[in-house]
Amino acid sequence: MKSQFRRLILTATAATALFAGVAHAQVDASKSKVTATSKQMNVPTEGTFKKFTAQLDFDPAKPAAGSAQLTIDTASYDLGDESYNQQVRGKDWFDSAQFPNATFVSSAIAPAGANQFKVSGKLTIKGKSENVTVPVTVTQQGATQTFDGTLPIKRSQFDIGSGEWKDTSVVADEVLIKFHVVEAKK
């Protein structure tokens, strides 16, 4: 009986410690933004993901203890025209019906200079996962931390743009994912 009670207390303590960072900060979605920019016939085209969530646990004094997880609703990608948005949600691009989310889950955070960090982790889009390292700038103003970064990816690694869109001479293979995430500590 004592053994079960101890396990219960240890489990409760571990769960409290795990979620403690989440309870003390909240992402301000109204001030945060995630975009993806590609080039079609060498003309930059930027779209914005209207729906995403982020769970961040980060102390600049202890970066290695931090973590980040970002989940993006692929159907929320907005190019400014509903017919283009519908096409991007389709099988040739994000296939949002089968793969509704793209995710990034950190595995390590390391300092890289003043307010600069390298965040390594797994990026999963359309069921394909790649290990990536994202350079992130963290700024703090009062109780607010802001995380900014740009991650270049190859869309072909994630099967984004298949069929007639596989040709990288029309739509470039490189896509720049940019994020500006604002977190307010409570």
C-alpha atoms as a PDB file:
ATOM      1  CA  MET A   1       0.000   0.000   0.000  1.00  0.00           C
ATOM      2  CA  LYS A   2       2.816   2.414   0.898  1.00  0.00           C
ATOM      3  CA  SER A   3       4.568   1.497  -2.348  1.00  0.00           C
ATOM      4  CA  GLN A   4       1.470   2.368  -4.425  1.00  0.00           C
ATOM      5  CA  PHE A   5       1.021   5.622  -2.529  1.00  0.00           C
ATOM      6  CA  ARG A   6       4.673   6.587  -3.166  1.00  0.00           C
ATOM      7  CA  ARG A   7       4.289   5.824  -6.866  1.00  0.00           C
ATOM      8  CA  LEU A   8       1.142   7.933  -6.982  1.00  0.00           C
ATOM      9  CA  ILE A   9       2.910  10.848  -5.262  1.00  0.00           C
ATOM     10  CA  LEU A  10       5.961  10.506  -7.562  1.00  0.00           C
ATOM     11  CA  THR A  11       3.721  10.411 -10.637  1.00  0.00           C
ATOM     12  CA  ALA A  12       1.782  13.486  -9.477  1.00  0.00           C
ATOM     13  CA  THR A  13       5.030  15.328  -8.715  1.00  0.00           C
ATOM     14  CA  ALA A  14       6.498  14.436 -12.118  1.00  0.00           C
ATOM     15  CA  ALA A  15       3.325  15.545 -13.916  1.00  0.00           C
ATOM     16  CA  THR A  16       3.302  18.829 -11.998  1.00  0.00           C
ATOM     17  CA  ALA A  17       6.952  19.453 -12.884  1.00  0.00           C
ATOM     18  CA  LEU A  18       6.335  18.598 -16.532  1.00  0.00           C
ATOM     19  CA  PHE A  19       3.461  21.049 -16.910  1.00  0.00           C
ATOM     20  CA  ALA A  20       4.854  23.766 -14.632  1.00  0.00           C
ATOM     21  CA  GLY A  21       6.518  25.606 -17.532  1.00  0.00           C
ATOM     22  CA  VAL A  22       3.326  25.561 -19.585  1.00  0.00           C
ATOM     23  CA  ALA A  23       1.269  27.041 -16.752  1.00  0.00           C
ATOM     24  CA  HIS A  24       3.588  30.037 -16.387  1.00  0.00           C
ATOM     25  CA  ALA A  25       3.574  31.236 -19.991  1.00  0.00           C
ATOM     26  CA  GLN A  26       1.111  31.554 -22.815  1.00  0.00           C
ATOM     27  CA  VAL A  27       1.603  32.195 -26.513  1.00  0.00           C
ATOM     28  CA  ASP A  28      -0.184  35.332 -27.695  1.00  0.00           C
ATOM     29  CA  ALA A  29      -1.716  34.143 -30.969  1.00  0.00           C
ATOM     30  CA  SER A  30      -2.816  37.662 -31.934  1.00  0.00           C
ATOM     31  CA  LYS A  31       0.813  38.839 -31.974  1.00  0.00           C
ATOM     32  CA  SER A  32       2.394  35.622 -33.311  1.00  0.00           C
ATOM     33  CA  LYS A  33       2.783  34.592 -36.941  1.00  0.00           C
ATOM     34  CA  VAL A  34       4.036  31.666 -39.040  1.00  0.00           C
ATOM     35  CA  THR A  35       4.568  32.080 -42.790  1.00  0.00           C
ATOM     36  CA  ALA A  36       5.979  30.043 -45.661  1.00  0.00           C
ATOM     37  CA  THR A  37       7.528  31.741 -48.671  1.00  0.00           C
ATOM     38  CA  SER A  38       8.329  29.997 -51.934  1.00  0.00           C
ATOM     39  CA  LYS A  39       9.196  31.265 -55.383  1.00  0.00           C
ATOM     40  CA  GLN A  40       6.973  30.574 -58.353  1.00  0.00           C
ATOM     41  CA  MET A  41       8.702  31.464 -61.615  1.00  0.00           C
ATOM     42  CA  ASN A  42      11.261  33.292 -59.438  1.00  0.00           C
ATOM     43  CA  VAL A  43       8.595  35.530 -57.842  1.00  0.00           C
ATOM     44  CA  PRO A  44       8.346  35.237 -54.018  1.00  0.00           C
ATOM     45  CA  THR A  45       4.937  34.076 -52.838  1.00  0.00           C
ATOM     46  CA  GLU A  46       4.165  34.237 -49.122  1.00  0.00           C
ATOM     47  CA  GLY A  47       1.323  32.528 -47.326  1.00  0.00           C
ATOM     48  CA  THR A  48       0.348  32.693 -43.680  1.00  0.00           C
ATOM     49  CA  PHE A  49      -0.737  29.832 -41.456  1.00  0.00           C
ATOM     50  CA  LYS A  50      -3.800  31.228 -39.675  1.00  0.00           C
ATOM     51  CA  LYS A  51      -4.009  28.438 -37.059  1.00  0.00           C
ATOM     52  CA  PHE A  52      -1.177  27.042 -34.984  1.00  0.00           C
ATOM     53  CA  THR A  53      -0.329  26.256 -31.399  1.00  0.00           C
ATOM     54  CA  ALA A  54       2.993  26.461 -29.599  1.00  0.00           C
ATOM     55  CA  GLN A  55       4.113  25.101 -26.260  1.00  0.00           C
ATOM     56  CA  LEU A  56       7.327  26.744 -25.105  1.00  0.00           C
ATOM     57  CA  ASP A  57       9.321  26.211 -21.949  1.00  0.00           C
ATOM     58  CA  PHE A  58      12.401  28.404 -22.145  1.00  0.00           C
ATOM     59  CA  ASP A  59      14.710  30.210 -19.750  1.00  0.00           C
ATOM     60  CA  PRO A  60      17.625  31.971 -21.526  1.00  0.00           C
ATOM     61  CA  ALA A  61      19.814  31.281 -18.475  1.00  0.00           C
ATOM     62  CA  LYS A  62      19.172  27.517 -18.863  1.00  0.00           C
ATOM     63  CA  PRO A  63      18.585  26.902 -22.587  1.00  0.00           C
ATOM     64  CA  ALA A  64      19.451  23.185 -22.486  1.00  0.00           C
ATOM     65  CA  ALA A  65      16.522  22.608 -20.108  1.00  0.00           C
ATOM     66  CA  GLY A  66      14.073  24.232 -22.525  1.00  0.00           C
ATOM     67  CA  SER A  67      11.678  22.715 -25.017  1.00  0.00           C
ATOM     68  CA  ALA A  68       9.491  23.805 -27.896  1.00  0.00           C
ATOM     69  CA  GLN A  69       6.636  22.230 -29.771  1.00  0.00           C
ATOM     70  CA  LEU A  70       4.771  23.824 -32.657  1.00  0.00           C
ATOM     71  CA  THR A  71       1.690  22.350 -34.345  1.00  0.00           C
ATOM     72  CA  ILE A  72       0.417  23.974 -37.542  1.00  0.00           C
ATOM     73  CA  ASP A  73      -2.991  23.414 -39.111  1.00  0.00           C
ATOM     74  CA  THR A  74      -2.023  22.918 -42.777  1.00  0.00           C
ATOM     75  CA  ALA A  75      -5.575  23.697 -43.972  1.00  0.00           C
ATOM     76  CA  SER A  76      -5.193  27.197 -42.514  1.00  0.00           C
ATOM     77  CA  TYR A  77      -2.504  28.202 -45.052  1.00  0.00           C
ATOM     78  CA  ASP A  78      -3.713  31.426 -46.667  1.00  0.00           C
ATOM     79  CA  LEU A  79      -2.294  32.754 -49.915  1.00  0.00           C
ATOM     80  CA  GLY A  80      -4.881  35.540 -50.104  1.00  0.00           C
ATOM     81  CA  ASP A  81      -7.111  33.826 -52.682  1.00  0.00           C
ATOM     82  CA  GLU A  82      -9.583  31.048 -51.834  1.00  0.00           C
ATOM     83  CA  SER A  83      -9.037  29.135 -55.097  1.00  0.00           C
ATOM     84  CA  TYR A  84      -5.272  28.993 -54.409  1.00  0.00           C
ATOM     85  CA  ASN A  85      -5.955  28.038 -50.776  1.00  0.00           C
ATOM     86  CA  GLN A  86      -8.143  25.120 -51.922  1.00  0.00           C
ATOM     87  CA  GLN A  87      -5.430  23.926 -54.295  1.00  0.00           C
ATOM     88  CA  VAL A  88      -2.735  24.060 -51.593  1.00  0.00           C
ATOM     89  CA  ARG A  89      -4.926  21.967 -49.268  1.00  0.00           C
ATOM     90  CA  GLY A  90      -5.201  19.269 -51.966  1.00  0.00           C
ATOM     91  CA  LYS A  91      -3.228  16.040 -52.427  1.00  0.00           C
ATOM     92  CA  ASP A  92      -0.509  17.591 -54.609  1.00  0.00           C
ATOM     93  CA  TRP A  93       0.478  20.063 -51.908  1.00  0.00           C
ATOM     94  CA  PHE A  94      -0.311  19.668 -48.174  1.00  0.00           C
ATOM     95  CA  ASP A  95      -2.988  16.955 -48.528  1.00  0.00           C
ATOM     96  CA  SER A  96      -4.640  18.513 -45.481  1.00  0.00           C
ATOM     97  CA  ALA A  97      -7.430  15.921 -45.388  1.00  0.00           C
ATOM     98  CA  GLN A  98      -4.926  13.123 -44.710  1.00  0.00           C
ATOM     99  CA  PHE A  99      -2.216  15.216 -42.981  1.00  0.00           C
ATOM    100  CA  PRO A 100      -4.020  18.004 -41.099  1.00  0.00           C
ATOM    101  CA  ASN A 101      -0.978  19.060 -39.055  1.00  0.00           C
ATOM    102  CA  ALA A 102       2.677  19.840 -39.535  1.00  0.00           C
ATOM    103  CA  THR A 103       4.756  19.673 -36.337  1.00  0.00           C
ATOM    104  CA  PHE A 104       8.096  20.638 -34.914  1.00  0.00           C
ATOM    105  CA  VAL A 105       9.272  19.065 -31.645  1.00  0.00           C
ATOM    106  CA  SER A 106      12.593  20.171 -30.179  1.00  0.00           C
ATOM    107  CA  SER A 107      15.216  17.733 -28.927  1.00  0.00           C
ATOM    108  CA  ALA A 108      17.949  20.218 -27.918  1.00  0.00           C
ATOM    109  CA  ILE A 109      18.496  23.947 -27.449  1.00  0.00           C
ATOM    110  CA  ALA A 110      22.009  25.395 -27.441  1.00  0.00           C
ATOM    111  CA  PRO A 111      23.333  28.961 -27.106  1.00  0.00           C
ATOM    112  CA  ALA A 112      24.773  30.491 -30.297  1.00  0.00           C
ATOM    113  CA  GLY A 113      25.710  34.018 -29.200  1.00  0.00           C
ATOM    114  CA  ALA A 114      23.931  36.967 -27.603  1.00  0.00           C
ATOM    115  CA  ASN A 115      20.181  36.232 -27.686  1.00  0.00           C
ATOM    116  CA  GLN A 116      20.859  33.586 -30.352  1.00  0.00           C
ATOM    117  CA  PHE A 117      20.082  29.885 -29.984  1.00  0.00           C
ATOM    118  CA  LYS A 118      20.186  26.769 -32.153  1.00  0.00           C
ATOM    119  CA  VAL A 119      17.035  24.703 -31.658  1.00  0.00           C
ATOM    120  CA  SER A 120      17.321  21.153 -32.981  1.00  0.00           C
ATOM    121  CA  GLY A 121      14.390  18.843 -33.417  1.00  0.00           C
ATOM    122  CA  LYS A 122      12.131  16.896 -35.721  1.00  0.00           C
ATOM    123  CA  LEU A 123      10.027  18.614 -38.383  1.00  0.00           C
ATOM    124  CA  THR A 124       7.147  16.519 -39.729  1.00  0.00           C
ATOM    125  CA  ILE A 125       5.133  17.580 -42.756  1.00  0.00           C
ATOM    126  CA  LYS A 126       2.828  15.343 -44.776  1.00  0.00           C
ATOM    127  CA  GLY A 127       3.951  12.302 -42.768  1.00  0.00           C
ATOM    128  CA  LYS A 128       7.637  12.822 -43.608  1.00  0.00           C
ATOM    129  CA  SER A 129      10.065  13.692 -40.794  1.00  0.00           C
ATOM    130  CA  GLU A 130      13.459  15.385 -40.984  1.00  0.00           C
ATOM    131  CA  ASN A 131      15.886  16.421 -38.264  1.00  0.00           C
ATOM    132  CA  VAL A 132      16.485  20.160 -38.522  1.00  0.00           C
ATOM    133  CA  THR A 133      18.284  22.909 -36.623  1.00  0.00           C
ATOM    134  CA  VAL A 134      16.593  26.288 -36.474  1.00  0.00           C
ATOM    135  CA  PRO A 135      18.478  29.487 -35.613  1.00  0.00           C
ATOM    136  CA  VAL A 136      16.295  31.429 -33.168  1.00  0.00           C
ATOM    137  CA  THR A 137      16.635  34.952 -31.797  1.00  0.00           C
ATOM    138  CA  VAL A 138      15.045  35.480 -28.383  1.00  0.00           C
ATOM    139  CA  THR A 139      14.219  38.962 -27.140  1.00  0.00           C
ATOM    140  CA  GLN A 140      12.761  39.767 -23.772  1.00  0.00           C
ATOM    141  CA  GLN A 141      10.810  42.853 -22.852  1.00  0.00           C
ATOM    142  CA  GLY A 142       9.319  42.808 -19.380  1.00  0.00           C
ATOM    143  CA  ALA A 143       7.292  39.622 -18.986  1.00  0.00           C
ATOM    144  CA  THR A 144       7.229  38.971 -22.736  1.00  0.00           C
ATOM    145  CA  GLN A 145       9.628  36.748 -24.694  1.00  0.00           C
ATOM    146  CA  THR A 146       9.667  36.820 -28.486  1.00  0.00           C
ATOM    147  CA  PHE A 147      11.089  34.008 -30.614  1.00  0.00           C
ATOM    148  CA  ASP A 148      12.032  34.807 -34.229  1.00  0.00           C
ATOM    149  CA  GLY A 149      13.553  32.504 -36.793  1.00  0.00           C
ATOM    150  CA  THR A 150      13.703  31.336 -40.376  1.00  0.00           C
ATOM    151  CA  LEU A 151      14.073  27.721 -41.451  1.00  0.00           C
ATOM    152  CA  PRO A 152      14.843  26.930 -45.100  1.00  0.00           C
ATOM    153  CA  ILE A 153      13.507  23.545 -46.194  1.00  0.00           C
ATOM    154  CA  LYS A 154      13.290  21.635 -49.466  1.00  0.00           C
ATOM    155  CA  ARG A 155       9.647  20.985 -50.295  1.00  0.00           C
ATOM    156  CA  SER A 156      10.633  17.852 -52.223  1.00  0.00           C
ATOM    157  CA  GLN A 157      11.861  16.234 -48.970  1.00  0.00           C
ATOM    158  CA  PHE A 158       8.274  16.374 -47.689  1.00  0.00           C
ATOM    159  CA  ASP A 159       6.483  15.523 -50.984  1.00  0.00           C
ATOM    160  CA  ILE A 160       4.984  19.004 -51.140  1.00  0.00           C
ATOM    161  CA  GLY A 161       4.144  19.762 -54.746  1.00  0.00           C
ATOM    162  CA  SER A 162       3.650  16.496 -56.602  1.00  0.00           C
ATOM    163  CA  GLY A 163       2.258  15.713 -60.040  1.00  0.00           C
ATOM    164  CA  GLU A 164       2.658  18.667 -62.382  1.00  0.00           C
ATOM    165  CA  TRP A 165       4.013  20.739 -59.435  1.00  0.00           C
ATOM    166  CA  LYS A 166       7.016  18.479 -58.845  1.00  0.00           C
ATOM    167  CA  ASP A 167       9.032  20.471 -61.404  1.00  0.00           C
ATOM    168  CA  THR A 168      11.252  22.792 -59.348  1.00  0.00           C
ATOM    169  CA  SER A 169      11.868  25.097 -62.323  1.00  0.00           C
ATOM    170  CA  VAL A 170       8.292  26.404 -61.941  1.00  0.00           C
ATOM    171  CA  VAL A 171       7.993  26.392 -58.134  1.00  0.00           C
ATOM    172  CA  ALA A 172      11.397  26.461 -56.443  1.00  0.00           C
ATOM    173  CA  ASP A 173      12.344  23.599 -54.150  1.00  0.00           C
ATOM    174  CA  GLU A 174      13.427  25.895 -51.312  1.00  0.00           C
ATOM    175  CA  VAL A 175      10.744  27.220 -48.976  1.00  0.00           C
ATOM    176  CA  LEU A 176      11.439  29.619 -46.118  1.00  0.00           C
ATOM    177  CA  ILE A 177       9.400  29.004 -42.996  1.00  0.00           C
ATOM    178  CA  LYS A 178       9.437  32.135 -40.830  1.00  0.00           C
ATOM    179  CA  PHE A 179       8.028  32.471 -37.367  1.00  0.00           C
ATOM    180  CA  HIS A 180       7.463  35.240 -34.841  1.00  0.00           C
ATOM    181  CA  VAL A 181       6.098  33.757 -31.618  1.00  0.00           C
ATOM    182  CA  VAL A 182       5.246  36.014 -28.679  1.00  0.00           C
ATOM    183  CA  GLU A 183       4.973  34.445 -25.245  1.00  0.00           C
ATOM    184  CA  ALA A 184       3.734  36.292 -22.189  1.00  0.00           C
ATOM    185  CA  LYS A 185       4.752  34.981 -18.757  1.00  0.00           C
ATOM    186  CA  LYS A 186       2.000  34.935 -16.159  1.00  0.00           C
END
